[in-house]
């Protein structure tokens, strides 16, 4: 079946058609939007992960987080990039070491979540794995890194992070680092 991807304004336009205050049945346009949504792989490109992911916070149960596995399923979100975020620190060996420790904690939590809930979650590193997880009816977990600071003074560690599942790196985030200047 051919998949249709709508922009947000088109989605809102479809959702607003035939909807009038006081109507008790679901308008045809809303049914059409729901049908399209259910036939489309949906992806959130930024799901924050706390440092306590899978140690104190269990994303397999309802949480206070903006996104967890329960919210993903009930909201019809199929896939998400879970984020290895590191706050910007000093561009020193000690700063890089601290950033690496934080990044390790977050990626460990993401990998633990995927393993603990492998009956519900497919950990994906390729488009083919995303498609397979979607076809199998699983939620799909991908990994992104916001702030390249934990890479240290060079890009030597990029292959290591790629092997662990990181599929994109945002160069900066809330501060200048060794690779670029932030908008802040």
N, C-alpha and C. Protein backbone atom coordinates (compact mmCIF):
# COMPACT_ATOMS: atom_id res chain seq x y z
N UNK A 1 0.84 -1.17 0.00
CA UNK A 1 0.00 0.00 0.00
C UNK A 1 0.88 1.23 0.00
N UNK A 2 0.56 2.19 -0.80
CA UNK A 2 1.32 3.43 -0.90
C UNK A 2 1.10 4.27 0.36
N UNK A 3 2.19 4.79 0.89
CA UNK A 3 2.11 5.63 2.09
C UNK A 3 2.05 7.09 1.68
N UNK A 4 1.25 7.86 2.38
CA UNK A 4 1.09 9.28 2.12
C UNK A 4 1.62 10.04 3.31
N UNK A 5 2.47 11.00 3.07
CA UNK A 5 3.01 11.82 4.13
C UNK A 5 2.44 13.21 4.00
N UNK A 6 1.77 13.70 5.04
CA UNK A 6 1.15 15.03 5.03
C UNK A 6 1.99 16.01 5.81
N UNK A 7 2.00 17.24 5.35
CA UNK A 7 2.60 18.29 6.15
C UNK A 7 1.61 18.66 7.24
N UNK A 8 2.10 19.27 8.30
CA UNK A 8 1.23 19.64 9.41
C UNK A 8 0.07 20.54 8.96
N UNK A 9 0.29 21.58 8.14
CA UNK A 9 -0.86 22.41 7.72
C UNK A 9 -1.91 21.60 6.95
N UNK A 10 -1.49 20.66 6.11
CA UNK A 10 -2.45 19.84 5.37
C UNK A 10 -3.23 18.95 6.33
N UNK A 11 -2.54 18.41 7.33
CA UNK A 11 -3.18 17.56 8.32
C UNK A 11 -4.23 18.36 9.10
N UNK A 12 -3.88 19.56 9.52
CA UNK A 12 -4.81 20.40 10.27
C UNK A 12 -6.01 20.76 9.40
N UNK A 13 -5.78 21.09 8.14
CA UNK A 13 -6.87 21.43 7.23
C UNK A 13 -7.83 20.25 7.11
N UNK A 14 -7.30 19.06 6.91
CA UNK A 14 -8.18 17.88 6.80
C UNK A 14 -8.94 17.65 8.10
N UNK A 15 -8.25 17.82 9.22
CA UNK A 15 -8.89 17.57 10.52
C UNK A 15 -10.00 18.57 10.81
N UNK A 16 -9.89 19.77 10.28
CA UNK A 16 -10.88 20.81 10.55
C UNK A 16 -12.10 20.75 9.62
N UNK A 17 -11.98 20.09 8.50
CA UNK A 17 -13.11 20.01 7.58
C UNK A 17 -14.27 19.26 8.24
N UNK A 18 -15.46 19.70 7.94
CA UNK A 18 -16.68 19.06 8.42
C UNK A 18 -16.80 18.99 9.94
N UNK A 19 -15.97 19.72 10.67
CA UNK A 19 -16.12 19.68 12.13
C UNK A 19 -16.82 20.95 12.59
N UNK A 20 -17.94 20.75 13.19
CA UNK A 20 -18.72 21.87 13.70
C UNK A 20 -19.05 21.62 15.15
N UNK A 21 -19.11 22.68 15.95
CA UNK A 21 -19.44 22.49 17.36
C UNK A 21 -20.79 21.78 17.51
N UNK A 22 -20.83 20.84 18.42
CA UNK A 22 -22.08 20.16 18.72
C UNK A 22 -22.33 18.90 17.89
N UNK A 23 -21.53 18.63 16.90
CA UNK A 23 -21.73 17.39 16.13
C UNK A 23 -21.40 16.20 17.04
N UNK A 24 -22.23 15.17 16.97
CA UNK A 24 -22.01 14.03 17.83
C UNK A 24 -21.34 12.87 17.12
N UNK A 25 -21.42 12.79 15.80
CA UNK A 25 -20.74 11.70 15.11
C UNK A 25 -19.42 12.20 14.52
N UNK A 26 -18.52 11.27 14.28
CA UNK A 26 -17.22 11.63 13.72
C UNK A 26 -17.40 12.01 12.26
N UNK A 27 -17.02 13.23 11.91
CA UNK A 27 -17.15 13.66 10.52
C UNK A 27 -16.28 12.81 9.60
N UNK A 28 -16.69 12.74 8.34
CA UNK A 28 -15.98 11.94 7.35
C UNK A 28 -14.52 12.36 7.23
N UNK A 29 -14.24 13.66 7.24
CA UNK A 29 -12.86 14.12 7.10
C UNK A 29 -11.99 13.64 8.26
N UNK A 30 -12.55 13.63 9.48
CA UNK A 30 -11.79 13.13 10.62
C UNK A 30 -11.52 11.64 10.48
N UNK A 31 -12.48 10.90 9.97
CA UNK A 31 -12.25 9.47 9.73
C UNK A 31 -11.17 9.29 8.67
N UNK A 32 -11.19 10.14 7.64
CA UNK A 32 -10.16 10.07 6.60
C UNK A 32 -8.78 10.36 7.18
N UNK A 33 -8.69 11.38 8.04
CA UNK A 33 -7.41 11.72 8.66
C UNK A 33 -6.92 10.55 9.51
N UNK A 34 -7.80 9.96 10.30
CA UNK A 34 -7.41 8.82 11.13
C UNK A 34 -6.95 7.66 10.25
N UNK A 35 -7.62 7.42 9.16
CA UNK A 35 -7.23 6.34 8.25
C UNK A 35 -5.85 6.61 7.67
N UNK A 36 -5.62 7.84 7.22
CA UNK A 36 -4.31 8.19 6.66
C UNK A 36 -3.23 8.05 7.73
N UNK A 37 -3.50 8.56 8.94
CA UNK A 37 -2.53 8.46 10.04
C UNK A 37 -2.19 7.00 10.32
N UNK A 38 -3.19 6.14 10.34
CA UNK A 38 -2.96 4.73 10.65
C UNK A 38 -2.21 4.00 9.54
N UNK A 39 -2.14 4.58 8.35
CA UNK A 39 -1.43 3.96 7.24
C UNK A 39 -0.06 4.60 7.00
N UNK A 40 0.33 5.52 7.87
CA UNK A 40 1.57 6.27 7.69
C UNK A 40 2.51 6.01 8.85
N UNK A 41 3.75 5.71 8.54
CA UNK A 41 4.75 5.57 9.58
C UNK A 41 5.05 6.97 10.12
N UNK A 42 4.82 7.15 11.41
CA UNK A 42 5.05 8.45 12.04
C UNK A 42 6.34 8.40 12.85
N UNK A 43 7.09 9.49 12.81
CA UNK A 43 8.41 9.54 13.43
C UNK A 43 8.60 10.84 14.18
N UNK A 44 9.04 10.75 15.43
CA UNK A 44 9.42 11.91 16.22
C UNK A 44 10.95 11.94 16.20
N UNK A 45 11.53 13.04 15.77
CA UNK A 45 12.98 13.11 15.63
C UNK A 45 13.71 13.57 16.89
N UNK A 46 12.99 13.76 18.00
CA UNK A 46 13.67 14.21 19.21
C UNK A 46 12.86 13.84 20.45
N UNK A 47 13.20 12.74 21.08
CA UNK A 47 12.60 12.33 22.34
C UNK A 47 13.70 12.36 23.40
N UNK A 48 13.56 13.29 24.34
CA UNK A 48 14.56 13.42 25.39
C UNK A 48 14.55 12.23 26.33
N UNK A 49 15.73 11.90 26.83
CA UNK A 49 15.92 10.76 27.72
C UNK A 49 16.61 11.27 28.98
N UNK A 50 15.98 11.11 30.15
CA UNK A 50 16.64 11.57 31.38
C UNK A 50 17.80 10.65 31.76
N UNK A 51 18.68 11.14 32.60
CA UNK A 51 19.81 10.32 33.05
C UNK A 51 19.36 9.11 33.85
N UNK A 52 18.13 9.13 34.33
CA UNK A 52 17.60 8.02 35.14
C UNK A 52 16.77 7.04 34.31
N UNK A 53 16.89 7.14 32.99
CA UNK A 53 16.14 6.25 32.09
C UNK A 53 16.49 4.80 32.38
N UNK A 54 15.49 4.01 32.67
CA UNK A 54 15.59 2.58 32.96
C UNK A 54 16.22 2.25 34.31
N UNK A 55 16.64 3.25 35.08
CA UNK A 55 17.09 2.96 36.44
C UNK A 55 16.02 3.42 37.43
N UNK A 56 15.54 4.64 37.27
CA UNK A 56 14.45 5.14 38.10
C UNK A 56 13.18 5.39 37.28
N UNK A 57 13.34 5.68 36.01
CA UNK A 57 12.21 5.95 35.13
C UNK A 57 12.06 4.79 34.15
N UNK A 58 10.90 4.15 34.17
CA UNK A 58 10.63 3.02 33.29
C UNK A 58 9.71 3.47 32.16
N UNK A 59 10.27 3.66 30.95
CA UNK A 59 9.45 4.15 29.85
C UNK A 59 8.44 3.14 29.32
N UNK A 60 8.46 1.93 29.84
CA UNK A 60 7.48 0.92 29.43
C UNK A 60 6.15 1.08 30.16
N UNK A 61 6.14 1.91 31.17
CA UNK A 61 4.95 2.22 31.95
C UNK A 61 4.60 3.69 31.75
N UNK A 62 3.37 4.11 32.10
CA UNK A 62 3.06 5.55 32.01
C UNK A 62 3.99 6.36 32.92
N UNK A 63 4.53 7.44 32.39
CA UNK A 63 5.47 8.28 33.14
C UNK A 63 5.05 9.75 33.02
N UNK A 64 5.81 10.60 33.69
CA UNK A 64 5.62 12.05 33.56
C UNK A 64 6.41 12.61 32.38
N UNK A 65 7.15 11.76 31.68
CA UNK A 65 7.91 12.21 30.52
C UNK A 65 6.96 12.65 29.40
N UNK A 66 7.47 13.47 28.50
CA UNK A 66 6.65 13.87 27.35
C UNK A 66 6.34 12.67 26.46
N UNK A 67 7.25 11.71 26.42
CA UNK A 67 7.04 10.53 25.59
C UNK A 67 7.54 9.29 26.32
N UNK A 68 6.73 8.26 26.30
CA UNK A 68 7.13 6.95 26.79
C UNK A 68 6.47 5.94 25.86
N UNK A 69 6.71 4.67 26.06
CA UNK A 69 6.17 3.66 25.14
C UNK A 69 4.65 3.62 25.16
N UNK A 70 4.05 3.86 26.30
CA UNK A 70 2.60 3.89 26.41
C UNK A 70 2.03 5.06 25.60
N UNK A 71 2.61 6.24 25.77
CA UNK A 71 2.15 7.41 25.02
C UNK A 71 2.38 7.23 23.52
N UNK A 72 3.52 6.63 23.16
CA UNK A 72 3.78 6.39 21.74
C UNK A 72 2.68 5.53 21.13
N UNK A 73 2.36 4.43 21.80
CA UNK A 73 1.36 3.51 21.27
C UNK A 73 -0.01 4.17 21.22
N UNK A 74 -0.42 4.80 22.31
CA UNK A 74 -1.77 5.37 22.34
C UNK A 74 -1.90 6.58 21.40
N UNK A 75 -0.80 7.28 21.16
CA UNK A 75 -0.84 8.44 20.27
C UNK A 75 -0.59 8.11 18.81
N UNK A 76 -0.30 6.85 18.52
CA UNK A 76 -0.06 6.46 17.14
C UNK A 76 1.30 6.87 16.62
N UNK A 77 2.27 7.03 17.52
CA UNK A 77 3.64 7.35 17.11
C UNK A 77 4.38 6.03 16.92
N UNK A 78 4.88 5.80 15.71
CA UNK A 78 5.51 4.53 15.39
C UNK A 78 6.99 4.47 15.73
N UNK A 79 7.70 5.58 15.51
CA UNK A 79 9.15 5.56 15.65
C UNK A 79 9.62 6.86 16.30
N UNK A 80 10.78 6.76 16.96
CA UNK A 80 11.33 7.95 17.60
C UNK A 80 12.84 7.86 17.65
N UNK A 81 13.48 9.01 17.50
CA UNK A 81 14.90 9.15 17.79
C UNK A 81 15.00 9.49 19.27
N UNK A 82 15.52 8.58 20.07
CA UNK A 82 15.78 8.82 21.48
C UNK A 82 17.13 9.52 21.55
N UNK A 83 17.22 10.57 22.36
CA UNK A 83 18.34 11.49 22.26
C UNK A 83 19.38 11.31 23.35
N UNK A 84 20.63 11.18 22.90
CA UNK A 84 21.79 11.23 23.76
C UNK A 84 22.20 12.70 23.80
N UNK A 85 21.74 13.40 24.85
CA UNK A 85 22.03 14.83 24.98
C UNK A 85 23.06 15.03 26.08
N UNK A 86 23.99 15.93 25.81
CA UNK A 86 25.00 16.30 26.79
C UNK A 86 25.04 17.81 26.91
N UNK A 87 24.91 18.35 28.12
CA UNK A 87 25.04 19.79 28.26
C UNK A 87 26.46 20.23 27.90
N UNK A 88 26.60 21.43 27.41
CA UNK A 88 27.92 21.95 27.03
C UNK A 88 28.73 22.29 28.26
N UNK A 89 29.95 21.82 28.28
CA UNK A 89 30.87 22.11 29.38
C UNK A 89 32.16 22.69 28.85
N UNK A 90 33.16 22.68 29.69
CA UNK A 90 34.46 23.23 29.33
C UNK A 90 35.15 22.35 28.30
N UNK A 91 35.85 22.99 27.37
CA UNK A 91 36.58 22.29 26.32
C UNK A 91 37.96 21.87 26.84
N UNK A 92 37.90 20.97 27.83
CA UNK A 92 39.11 20.45 28.48
C UNK A 92 38.98 18.93 28.55
N UNK A 93 40.06 18.26 28.87
CA UNK A 93 40.01 16.81 29.01
C UNK A 93 38.97 16.42 30.07
N UNK A 94 38.92 17.14 31.17
CA UNK A 94 37.94 16.85 32.22
C UNK A 94 36.51 17.08 31.71
N UNK A 95 36.32 18.15 30.94
CA UNK A 95 35.00 18.43 30.37
C UNK A 95 34.56 17.35 29.40
N UNK A 96 35.48 16.91 28.53
CA UNK A 96 35.17 15.85 27.58
C UNK A 96 34.85 14.54 28.32
N UNK A 97 35.59 14.25 29.38
CA UNK A 97 35.36 13.02 30.15
C UNK A 97 33.98 13.05 30.80
N UNK A 98 33.60 14.19 31.38
CA UNK A 98 32.28 14.31 31.99
C UNK A 98 31.19 14.16 30.95
N UNK A 99 31.37 14.79 29.77
CA UNK A 99 30.38 14.69 28.69
C UNK A 99 30.25 13.24 28.22
N UNK A 100 31.37 12.56 28.10
CA UNK A 100 31.34 11.16 27.68
C UNK A 100 30.58 10.29 28.68
N UNK A 101 30.78 10.56 29.95
CA UNK A 101 30.08 9.81 31.01
C UNK A 101 28.56 10.01 30.90
N UNK A 102 28.14 11.25 30.67
CA UNK A 102 26.71 11.55 30.53
C UNK A 102 26.15 10.86 29.29
N UNK A 103 26.88 10.95 28.17
CA UNK A 103 26.42 10.32 26.93
C UNK A 103 26.33 8.80 27.11
N UNK A 104 27.29 8.21 27.79
CA UNK A 104 27.27 6.76 28.05
C UNK A 104 26.04 6.37 28.86
N UNK A 105 25.71 7.17 29.87
CA UNK A 105 24.54 6.89 30.70
C UNK A 105 23.27 6.90 29.86
N UNK A 106 23.14 7.88 28.97
CA UNK A 106 21.93 7.98 28.16
C UNK A 106 21.83 6.85 27.12
N UNK A 107 22.92 6.56 26.44
CA UNK A 107 22.83 5.50 25.43
C UNK A 107 22.60 4.15 26.10
N UNK A 108 23.17 3.96 27.27
CA UNK A 108 22.93 2.72 28.01
C UNK A 108 21.44 2.59 28.34
N UNK A 109 20.82 3.67 28.79
CA UNK A 109 19.39 3.64 29.10
C UNK A 109 18.54 3.33 27.88
N UNK A 110 18.89 3.91 26.74
CA UNK A 110 18.14 3.65 25.51
C UNK A 110 18.28 2.19 25.10
N UNK A 111 19.50 1.67 25.15
CA UNK A 111 19.73 0.26 24.78
C UNK A 111 19.03 -0.68 25.77
N UNK A 112 19.04 -0.33 27.05
CA UNK A 112 18.35 -1.14 28.06
C UNK A 112 16.85 -1.16 27.80
N UNK A 113 16.28 -0.01 27.42
CA UNK A 113 14.85 0.07 27.11
C UNK A 113 14.52 -0.84 25.93
N UNK A 114 15.31 -0.76 24.88
CA UNK A 114 15.05 -1.58 23.69
C UNK A 114 15.15 -3.07 24.02
N UNK A 115 16.11 -3.43 24.85
CA UNK A 115 16.28 -4.85 25.22
C UNK A 115 15.16 -5.31 26.16
N UNK A 116 14.83 -4.50 27.14
CA UNK A 116 13.78 -4.88 28.11
C UNK A 116 12.42 -5.02 27.45
N UNK A 117 12.18 -4.26 26.41
CA UNK A 117 10.88 -4.27 25.75
C UNK A 117 10.97 -4.73 24.30
N UNK A 118 11.86 -5.70 24.04
CA UNK A 118 12.06 -6.14 22.65
C UNK A 118 10.81 -6.79 22.06
N UNK A 119 9.86 -7.16 22.89
CA UNK A 119 8.59 -7.66 22.37
C UNK A 119 7.72 -6.52 21.83
N UNK A 120 8.02 -5.28 22.25
CA UNK A 120 7.25 -4.10 21.83
C UNK A 120 8.06 -3.11 21.01
N UNK A 121 9.40 -3.19 21.09
CA UNK A 121 10.28 -2.20 20.48
C UNK A 121 11.31 -2.86 19.58
N UNK A 122 11.49 -2.29 18.40
CA UNK A 122 12.57 -2.71 17.51
C UNK A 122 13.63 -1.62 17.52
N UNK A 123 14.85 -1.97 17.89
CA UNK A 123 15.96 -1.04 17.84
C UNK A 123 16.46 -1.03 16.41
N UNK A 124 16.47 0.13 15.77
CA UNK A 124 16.80 0.21 14.35
C UNK A 124 18.00 1.11 14.09
N UNK A 125 18.83 0.66 13.16
CA UNK A 125 19.97 1.47 12.72
C UNK A 125 19.96 1.67 11.21
N UNK A 126 19.00 1.06 10.54
CA UNK A 126 18.88 1.21 9.08
C UNK A 126 17.42 1.43 8.70
N UNK A 127 17.21 1.95 7.50
CA UNK A 127 15.85 2.14 7.01
C UNK A 127 15.14 0.79 6.90
N UNK A 128 15.85 -0.24 6.49
CA UNK A 128 15.25 -1.58 6.38
C UNK A 128 14.76 -2.07 7.75
N UNK A 129 15.54 -1.81 8.80
CA UNK A 129 15.12 -2.22 10.15
C UNK A 129 13.91 -1.42 10.61
N UNK A 130 13.84 -0.16 10.24
CA UNK A 130 12.66 0.65 10.57
C UNK A 130 11.44 0.06 9.88
N UNK A 131 11.55 -0.23 8.58
CA UNK A 131 10.41 -0.80 7.84
C UNK A 131 9.98 -2.14 8.43
N UNK A 132 10.95 -2.99 8.78
CA UNK A 132 10.61 -4.30 9.36
C UNK A 132 9.90 -4.14 10.70
N UNK A 133 10.41 -3.28 11.57
CA UNK A 133 9.76 -3.04 12.86
C UNK A 133 8.35 -2.53 12.68
N UNK A 134 8.16 -1.62 11.74
CA UNK A 134 6.83 -1.08 11.44
C UNK A 134 5.90 -2.19 10.95
N UNK A 135 6.38 -3.02 10.03
CA UNK A 135 5.56 -4.12 9.50
C UNK A 135 5.23 -5.13 10.59
N UNK A 136 6.14 -5.30 11.56
CA UNK A 136 5.90 -6.22 12.68
C UNK A 136 5.01 -5.62 13.76
N UNK A 137 4.62 -4.36 13.60
CA UNK A 137 3.74 -3.72 14.57
C UNK A 137 4.45 -3.25 15.83
N UNK A 138 5.77 -3.14 15.77
CA UNK A 138 6.53 -2.70 16.94
C UNK A 138 6.78 -1.20 16.89
N UNK A 139 7.05 -0.63 18.05
CA UNK A 139 7.55 0.73 18.13
C UNK A 139 9.02 0.68 17.73
N UNK A 140 9.49 1.72 17.08
CA UNK A 140 10.86 1.70 16.58
C UNK A 140 11.68 2.72 17.34
N UNK A 141 12.83 2.27 17.86
CA UNK A 141 13.75 3.15 18.59
C UNK A 141 14.99 3.38 17.74
N UNK A 142 15.28 4.65 17.50
CA UNK A 142 16.51 5.07 16.83
C UNK A 142 17.25 5.98 17.81
N UNK A 143 18.52 6.26 17.52
CA UNK A 143 19.29 7.10 18.43
C UNK A 143 19.89 8.28 17.69
N UNK A 144 19.72 9.47 18.29
CA UNK A 144 20.37 10.68 17.82
C UNK A 144 21.19 11.28 18.94
N UNK A 145 22.20 12.03 18.58
CA UNK A 145 23.04 12.70 19.58
C UNK A 145 22.92 14.21 19.37
N UNK A 146 22.51 14.91 20.41
CA UNK A 146 22.44 16.36 20.37
C UNK A 146 23.62 16.91 21.14
N UNK A 147 24.51 17.57 20.44
CA UNK A 147 25.75 18.16 20.94
C UNK A 147 26.88 17.16 20.76
N UNK A 148 27.78 17.47 19.87
CA UNK A 148 28.93 16.61 19.57
C UNK A 148 30.03 16.72 20.63
N UNK A 149 29.82 17.50 21.66
CA UNK A 149 30.79 17.70 22.73
C UNK A 149 31.38 16.40 23.28
N UNK A 150 30.58 15.32 23.51
CA UNK A 150 31.18 14.11 24.07
C UNK A 150 32.16 13.39 23.14
N UNK A 151 32.24 13.82 21.87
CA UNK A 151 33.19 13.19 20.96
C UNK A 151 34.63 13.54 21.31
N UNK A 152 34.82 14.57 22.11
CA UNK A 152 36.17 14.99 22.46
C UNK A 152 36.75 15.91 21.40
N UNK A 153 38.06 16.07 21.41
CA UNK A 153 38.68 17.07 20.54
C UNK A 153 38.74 16.70 19.05
N UNK A 154 38.36 15.47 18.69
CA UNK A 154 38.40 15.09 17.27
C UNK A 154 37.17 14.25 16.96
N UNK A 155 37.05 13.85 15.71
CA UNK A 155 35.90 13.02 15.33
C UNK A 155 36.26 11.53 15.30
N UNK A 156 37.35 11.16 15.93
CA UNK A 156 37.78 9.76 15.97
C UNK A 156 36.73 8.81 16.52
N UNK A 157 35.90 9.28 17.45
CA UNK A 157 34.92 8.41 18.10
C UNK A 157 33.62 8.26 17.33
N UNK A 158 33.46 8.96 16.21
CA UNK A 158 32.22 8.86 15.45
C UNK A 158 31.91 7.41 15.07
N UNK A 159 32.88 6.62 14.55
CA UNK A 159 32.55 5.23 14.21
C UNK A 159 32.07 4.41 15.42
N UNK A 160 32.67 4.65 16.59
CA UNK A 160 32.25 3.92 17.79
C UNK A 160 30.80 4.23 18.13
N UNK A 161 30.41 5.52 18.05
CA UNK A 161 29.02 5.88 18.34
C UNK A 161 28.08 5.34 17.27
N UNK A 162 28.52 5.34 16.03
CA UNK A 162 27.70 4.78 14.95
C UNK A 162 27.47 3.29 15.17
N UNK A 163 28.50 2.56 15.59
CA UNK A 163 28.36 1.13 15.88
C UNK A 163 27.35 0.89 16.99
N UNK A 164 27.21 1.83 17.89
CA UNK A 164 26.29 1.69 19.02
C UNK A 164 24.89 2.15 18.69
N UNK A 165 24.70 2.66 17.46
CA UNK A 165 23.35 2.99 17.02
C UNK A 165 23.07 4.44 16.74
N UNK A 166 23.98 5.36 17.05
CA UNK A 166 23.73 6.78 16.79
C UNK A 166 23.67 7.00 15.29
N UNK A 167 22.57 7.61 14.83
CA UNK A 167 22.37 7.81 13.40
C UNK A 167 22.39 9.26 12.96
N UNK A 168 22.39 10.17 13.91
CA UNK A 168 22.66 11.57 13.56
C UNK A 168 23.28 12.26 14.75
N UNK A 169 24.07 13.29 14.46
CA UNK A 169 24.69 14.09 15.50
C UNK A 169 24.40 15.56 15.20
N UNK A 170 23.77 16.23 16.15
CA UNK A 170 23.61 17.68 16.08
C UNK A 170 24.92 18.29 16.59
N UNK A 171 25.59 19.04 15.76
CA UNK A 171 26.93 19.51 16.10
C UNK A 171 26.98 20.29 17.42
N UNK A 172 26.08 21.27 17.60
CA UNK A 172 26.07 22.05 18.84
C UNK A 172 24.68 22.00 19.46
N UNK A 173 24.61 22.46 20.71
CA UNK A 173 23.32 22.54 21.41
C UNK A 173 23.52 23.43 22.63
N UNK A 174 22.91 24.58 22.64
CA UNK A 174 22.98 25.51 23.78
C UNK A 174 24.40 25.90 24.17
N UNK A 175 25.28 26.02 23.24
CA UNK A 175 26.62 26.50 23.57
C UNK A 175 27.62 26.13 22.49
N UNK A 176 28.68 26.92 22.41
CA UNK A 176 29.75 26.65 21.46
C UNK A 176 30.53 25.43 21.94
N UNK A 177 31.00 24.63 20.99
CA UNK A 177 31.86 23.51 21.36
C UNK A 177 33.05 23.45 20.42
N UNK A 178 33.78 22.36 20.47
CA UNK A 178 35.01 22.21 19.70
C UNK A 178 34.75 22.10 18.19
N UNK A 179 33.50 21.88 17.78
CA UNK A 179 33.19 21.68 16.37
C UNK A 179 32.42 22.84 15.75
N UNK A 180 31.79 23.68 16.57
CA UNK A 180 30.99 24.74 15.99
C UNK A 180 30.49 25.73 17.03
N UNK A 181 29.94 26.81 16.51
CA UNK A 181 29.34 27.85 17.35
C UNK A 181 27.84 27.65 17.38
N UNK A 182 27.27 27.80 18.56
CA UNK A 182 25.83 27.69 18.75
C UNK A 182 25.15 29.00 18.43
N UNK A 183 23.87 28.94 18.13
CA UNK A 183 23.09 30.16 17.93
C UNK A 183 22.93 30.93 19.22
N UNK A 184 23.24 30.31 20.34
CA UNK A 184 23.13 30.99 21.63
C UNK A 184 24.39 31.78 21.92
